[in-house]
């Protein structure tokens, strides 16, 4: 089962306690997948998703008890008329999504009907596919009320409301009350962040090692050039000592070289003497 399917399976068991939340979730479903039979006035979902159909039926029973004859009126759509625009292309009435709990329910219903989330092990992507720009803008506004900065992109003849930030997708799972999926996604994020941190640290340490090794190789080349041309006897005693120490301890750090000196020298002192030797080699 894909991560997206796992999220929807979890959301299928989430129901708002209040009737207004149940209506909001029904509106979210119908806005994207709803259909009204012009002859009978019957409202249905145009989908083969059994999970969605099952939840739609349960919500209807919770909200109306026996059927859906009052559904359009309860969703404030009957009074507006359809003006030739299909139900699944209309923007839901704003009266349904005034409360925070209803906004959560509406987003949950919209995601159940037309949403998806990518496998977080590969990438972070949350989206809900709308049929009209008005629907997309409404969803964008509702998500913004939870501080999620969703964007809209046109894809063929659809309008996609999407999130790319892992943290915002976690927040949206929280909004929809998919708490198990939220924890699963957080675990993946933590592992990925730890892996990235380790990789950055290893890369940084590798770069520092390469830098140290390159510097030591240059120092050895400079010291050998001095030894093979003028010899160490021509150097001041501190420089001569440091040249001998570097030849004897090619892999030693500056701190270690300083400890070998007599008397011991700090890192800055060692670095100063090696720079002097490099300058002399450059002149030669």
Foldseek 3Di string as FASTA:
>chain_A
DFLFVVLLVLLLPDDDPDLLLLLLLLLLQCLAFWFADPVPRDIDGNDPPPSLRVSNVVSQCVNPNPGCPCNCVVQVNVVVDQPPPGSNQDAGDPVSPPDLSNLLSSVSSQCSRAWGFHRVLVFGKIKGKGQYVNNLVVNCVSLVVLVARWDWDDDPRIIMTMHGDLVSVLSSSVSNPSVVSSVVSVVSVVVVVVVVVVVVVVVVVVVVLVVQLVVLVLLLVLLVLCCVPVRLVPDPPVLSLLSVLCVVCSPDDLQVSQVPDVVRDHSVVSVVSSVVSSVVSVVD
